Amino acid sequence: MSFIENWRYPLPQATNGERVGSAALDEDTSLQMIALTDTGQIAACTFGHPDEFIGTKLETAGDELMRGKKIRALAHIRWL
């Protein structure tokens, strides 16, 4: 699992309208991702209602994409 926000940093500034970077993942490798804000909301909820979550397992990934699909999806994000 990784944080979606981590993907903005390995990419250099755009050249000729493209940002090109590399990732040590095969084309068919999937990677689960979650946003930092989602992690905070999940933590607040679980700590706020411990009796509902003690002893349970949560699936927290917001997205799981293969590397090629992830790259195409991230290409459409306008990073601030």
Protein backbone atom coordinates (compact mmCIF):
# COMPACT_ATOMS: atom_id res chain seq x y z
CA MET A 1 0.00 0.00 0.00
CA SER A 2 1.17 3.51 -0.68
CA PHE A 3 -0.18 7.02 -0.28
CA ILE A 4 -1.50 8.56 -3.51
CA GLU A 5 0.23 11.82 -2.56
CA ASN A 6 3.65 10.11 -2.81
CA TRP A 7 3.22 9.89 -6.59
CA ARG A 8 3.52 13.63 -7.10
CA TYR A 9 7.13 13.82 -5.92
CA PRO A 10 9.02 11.31 -8.09
CA LEU A 11 7.79 13.06 -11.22
CA PRO A 12 9.97 15.92 -12.46
CA GLN A 13 8.55 19.16 -13.80
CA ALA A 14 6.82 18.95 -17.16
CA THR A 15 8.87 19.24 -20.33
CA ASN A 16 6.93 19.91 -23.52
CA GLY A 17 3.71 19.27 -21.60
CA GLU A 18 4.75 15.86 -20.24
CA ARG A 19 5.98 14.69 -16.86
CA VAL A 20 8.09 11.57 -17.23
CA GLY A 21 9.25 9.45 -14.30
CA SER A 22 10.11 5.85 -13.52
CA ALA A 23 8.71 3.28 -11.11
CA ALA A 24 10.16 -0.08 -10.13
CA LEU A 25 6.91 -1.92 -10.87
CA ASP A 26 6.16 -4.33 -13.69
CA GLU A 27 3.31 -3.39 -16.02
CA ASP A 28 1.01 -6.02 -14.44
CA THR A 29 1.90 -5.30 -10.80
CA SER A 30 -0.98 -3.91 -8.79
CA LEU A 31 -0.52 -1.44 -5.97
CA GLN A 32 -3.10 -0.41 -3.40
CA MET A 33 -3.24 3.31 -2.65
CA ILE A 34 -5.00 5.53 -0.15
CA ALA A 35 -5.16 9.30 0.33
CA LEU A 36 -3.68 10.79 3.49
CA THR A 37 -6.99 12.44 4.35
CA ASP A 38 -8.77 9.09 4.09
CA THR A 39 -6.23 7.56 6.48
CA GLY A 40 -6.88 10.34 8.99
CA GLN A 41 -10.64 9.93 8.74
CA ILE A 42 -10.39 6.17 9.24
CA ALA A 43 -8.13 6.64 12.26
CA ALA A 44 -10.46 9.23 13.80
CA CYS A 45 -13.46 6.96 13.30
CA THR A 46 -11.78 3.86 14.74
CA PHE A 47 -10.34 5.68 17.75
CA GLY A 48 -13.63 7.48 18.28
CA HIS A 49 -15.60 4.21 18.33
CA PRO A 50 -13.17 1.55 19.59
CA ASP A 51 -15.86 -0.94 20.64
CA GLU A 52 -17.01 -1.19 17.02
CA PHE A 53 -13.53 -1.88 15.63
CA ILE A 54 -11.53 -3.83 18.24
CA GLY A 55 -10.86 -7.27 16.82
CA THR A 56 -11.92 -6.35 13.28
CA LYS A 57 -9.92 -6.08 10.07
CA LEU A 58 -10.38 -3.10 7.77
CA GLU A 59 -9.62 -2.94 4.07
CA THR A 60 -8.42 0.63 3.74
CA ALA A 61 -7.06 0.99 0.21
CA GLY A 62 -8.99 3.54 -1.80
CA ASP A 63 -7.69 2.34 -5.18
CA GLU A 64 -5.88 -0.68 -6.54
CA LEU A 65 -4.62 -0.31 -10.09
CA MET A 66 -2.10 -2.06 -12.25
CA ARG A 67 0.97 0.08 -12.95
CA GLY A 68 -0.06 0.95 -16.53
CA LYS A 69 -3.57 1.99 -15.50
CA LYS A 70 -2.17 3.95 -12.54
CA ILE A 71 0.14 5.92 -14.79
CA ARG A 72 -2.70 6.78 -17.18
CA ALA A 73 -4.93 7.80 -14.23
CA LEU A 74 -2.23 9.95 -12.61
CA ALA A 75 -1.55 11.70 -15.92
CA HIS A 76 -4.91 13.49 -15.57
CA ILE A 77 -4.27 14.90 -12.07
CA ARG A 78 -3.31 18.54 -11.79
CA TRP A 79 -0.91 18.53 -8.83
CA LEU A 80 -0.82 21.75 -6.84
